[in-house]
Amino acid sequence: MATTSTTEPDGPERKYTEAEIKEENRRIRHLRRLVDFSMALIAQSPMSLEEAQTVVRGVRRHAVELFPGKEETFDLIYTPRFRRLIAEKFQLL
């Protein structure tokens, strides 16, 4: 069984098993599909601004379930994409 090691910022080196790496990659793919689907849904559906914001909140909630403690990462990567899409769709610029 293959392992990969990383050094944690506040602790000792951590070894990850191949199974852990595969699971992490599966969760990343799932989140990407969810984000892509949600962005397409917002862009192409006749929904209100409030409904679009509800979709974004749901995606964020699900992302935090998949990756506990990574709220800031979601906010850095995905929130700006959703904001741009919503601003463009609802002409909020």
C-alpha atoms as a PDB file:
ATOM      1  CA  MET A   1       0.000   0.000   0.000  1.00  0.00           C
ATOM      2  CA  ALA A   2       1.429   3.358  -1.016  1.00  0.00           C
ATOM      3  CA  THR A   3       1.640   6.272   1.350  1.00  0.00           C
ATOM      4  CA  THR A   4       2.335   9.939   0.899  1.00  0.00           C
ATOM      5  CA  SER A   5       3.702  12.100   3.646  1.00  0.00           C
ATOM      6  CA  THR A   6       3.284  15.756   4.381  1.00  0.00           C
ATOM      7  CA  THR A   7       4.447  17.961   7.173  1.00  0.00           C
ATOM      8  CA  GLU A   8       1.601  19.567   9.047  1.00  0.00           C
ATOM      9  CA  PRO A   9       2.193  23.223   9.974  1.00  0.00           C
ATOM     10  CA  ASP A  10       1.586  22.633  13.679  1.00  0.00           C
ATOM     11  CA  GLY A  11       2.656  19.052  14.080  1.00  0.00           C
ATOM     12  CA  PRO A  12       4.643  16.053  12.981  1.00  0.00           C
ATOM     13  CA  GLU A  13       4.798  14.579   9.519  1.00  0.00           C
ATOM     14  CA  ARG A  14       1.538  12.814   8.561  1.00  0.00           C
ATOM     15  CA  LYS A  15       1.417   9.727   6.361  1.00  0.00           C
ATOM     16  CA  TYR A  16      -1.608   9.352   4.076  1.00  0.00           C
ATOM     17  CA  THR A  17      -2.638   5.968   2.768  1.00  0.00           C
ATOM     18  CA  GLU A  18      -3.633   5.369  -0.815  1.00  0.00           C
ATOM     19  CA  ALA A  19      -7.218   4.861   0.365  1.00  0.00           C
ATOM     20  CA  GLU A  20      -7.231   8.245   2.127  1.00  0.00           C
ATOM     21  CA  ILE A  21      -5.867   9.948  -0.970  1.00  0.00           C
ATOM     22  CA  LYS A  22      -8.494   8.278  -3.167  1.00  0.00           C
ATOM     23  CA  GLU A  23     -11.263   9.324  -0.776  1.00  0.00           C
ATOM     24  CA  GLU A  24     -10.016  12.917  -0.736  1.00  0.00           C
ATOM     25  CA  ASN A  25      -9.906  12.949  -4.548  1.00  0.00           C
ATOM     26  CA  ARG A  26     -13.440  11.523  -4.695  1.00  0.00           C
ATOM     27  CA  ARG A  27     -14.729  14.283  -2.413  1.00  0.00           C
ATOM     28  CA  ILE A  28     -12.940  16.937  -4.490  1.00  0.00           C
ATOM     29  CA  ARG A  29     -14.501  15.611  -7.714  1.00  0.00           C
ATOM     30  CA  HIS A  30     -17.922  15.526  -6.057  1.00  0.00           C
ATOM     31  CA  LEU A  31     -17.594  19.147  -4.924  1.00  0.00           C
ATOM     32  CA  ARG A  32     -16.429  20.280  -8.359  1.00  0.00           C
ATOM     33  CA  ARG A  33     -19.423  18.598 -10.014  1.00  0.00           C
ATOM     34  CA  LEU A  34     -21.769  20.142  -7.466  1.00  0.00           C
ATOM     35  CA  VAL A  35     -20.308  23.622  -8.026  1.00  0.00           C
ATOM     36  CA  ASP A  36     -20.401  23.245 -11.822  1.00  0.00           C
ATOM     37  CA  PHE A  37     -23.994  22.000 -11.742  1.00  0.00           C
ATOM     38  CA  SER A  38     -25.072  24.765  -9.364  1.00  0.00           C
ATOM     39  CA  MET A  39     -23.452  27.464 -11.484  1.00  0.00           C
ATOM     40  CA  ALA A  40     -25.189  26.117 -14.594  1.00  0.00           C
ATOM     41  CA  LEU A  41     -28.489  25.944 -12.719  1.00  0.00           C
ATOM     42  CA  ILE A  42     -28.183  29.555 -11.576  1.00  0.00           C
ATOM     43  CA  ALA A  43     -27.106  30.759 -15.027  1.00  0.00           C
ATOM     44  CA  GLN A  44     -29.774  28.918 -17.004  1.00  0.00           C
ATOM     45  CA  SER A  45     -32.814  28.791 -14.727  1.00  0.00           C
ATOM     46  CA  PRO A  46     -35.394  31.513 -14.324  1.00  0.00           C
ATOM     47  CA  MET A  47     -34.798  31.807 -10.590  1.00  0.00           C
ATOM     48  CA  SER A  48     -34.911  34.809  -8.314  1.00  0.00           C
ATOM     49  CA  LEU A  49     -31.895  36.362  -6.629  1.00  0.00           C
ATOM     50  CA  GLU A  50     -33.020  34.871  -3.326  1.00  0.00           C
ATOM     51  CA  GLU A  51     -33.252  31.393  -4.854  1.00  0.00           C
ATOM     52  CA  ALA A  52     -29.759  31.744  -6.341  1.00  0.00           C
ATOM     53  CA  GLN A  53     -28.386  32.788  -2.956  1.00  0.00           C
ATOM     54  CA  THR A  54     -30.107  29.789  -1.373  1.00  0.00           C
ATOM     55  CA  VAL A  55     -28.397  27.495  -3.893  1.00  0.00           C
ATOM     56  CA  VAL A  56     -25.008  29.001  -3.015  1.00  0.00           C
ATOM     57  CA  ARG A  57     -25.642  28.583   0.720  1.00  0.00           C
ATOM     58  CA  GLY A  58     -26.582  24.944   0.125  1.00  0.00           C
ATOM     59  CA  VAL A  59     -23.423  24.283  -1.874  1.00  0.00           C
ATOM     60  CA  ARG A  60     -21.310  25.896   0.844  1.00  0.00           C
ATOM     61  CA  ARG A  61     -23.023  23.835   3.534  1.00  0.00           C
ATOM     62  CA  HIS A  62     -22.379  20.646   1.576  1.00  0.00           C
ATOM     63  CA  ALA A  63     -18.741  21.631   0.979  1.00  0.00           C
ATOM     64  CA  VAL A  64     -18.239  22.089   4.724  1.00  0.00           C
ATOM     65  CA  GLU A  65     -19.760  18.647   5.317  1.00  0.00           C
ATOM     66  CA  LEU A  66     -17.294  17.174   2.827  1.00  0.00           C
ATOM     67  CA  PHE A  67     -14.350  19.196   4.180  1.00  0.00           C
ATOM     68  CA  PRO A  68     -14.948  20.182   7.815  1.00  0.00           C
ATOM     69  CA  GLY A  69     -13.086  23.299   8.898  1.00  0.00           C
ATOM     70  CA  LYS A  70     -12.441  24.481   5.332  1.00  0.00           C
ATOM     71  CA  GLU A  71     -14.991  27.286   5.184  1.00  0.00           C
ATOM     72  CA  GLU A  72     -12.293  29.858   4.402  1.00  0.00           C
ATOM     73  CA  THR A  73     -11.054  27.760   1.495  1.00  0.00           C
ATOM     74  CA  PHE A  74     -14.558  27.653   0.009  1.00  0.00           C
ATOM     75  CA  ASP A  75     -14.881  31.401   0.497  1.00  0.00           C
ATOM     76  CA  LEU A  76     -11.564  32.026  -1.272  1.00  0.00           C
ATOM     77  CA  ILE A  77     -12.127  29.698  -4.214  1.00  0.00           C
ATOM     78  CA  TYR A  78     -15.840  29.432  -4.926  1.00  0.00           C
ATOM     79  CA  THR A  79     -17.589  32.441  -3.384  1.00  0.00           C
ATOM     80  CA  PRO A  80     -16.054  34.917  -5.886  1.00  0.00           C
ATOM     81  CA  ARG A  81     -17.162  32.717  -8.796  1.00  0.00           C
ATOM     82  CA  PHE A  82     -20.728  32.573  -7.508  1.00  0.00           C
ATOM     83  CA  ARG A  83     -20.732  36.338  -6.807  1.00  0.00           C
ATOM     84  CA  ARG A  84     -19.587  37.145 -10.352  1.00  0.00           C
ATOM     85  CA  LEU A  85     -22.212  34.851 -11.860  1.00  0.00           C
ATOM     86  CA  ILE A  86     -25.021  36.261  -9.704  1.00  0.00           C
ATOM     87  CA  ALA A  87     -23.920  39.859 -10.326  1.00  0.00           C
ATOM     88  CA  GLU A  88     -23.894  39.221 -14.070  1.00  0.00           C
ATOM     89  CA  LYS A  89     -27.207  37.366 -14.147  1.00  0.00           C
ATOM     90  CA  PHE A  90     -29.086  39.875 -12.000  1.00  0.00           C
ATOM     91  CA  GLN A  91     -27.220  42.916 -13.325  1.00  0.00           C
ATOM     92  CA  LEU A  92     -25.930  43.937  -9.906  1.00  0.00           C
ATOM     93  CA  LEU A  93     -22.791  45.645 -11.210  1.00  0.00           C
END
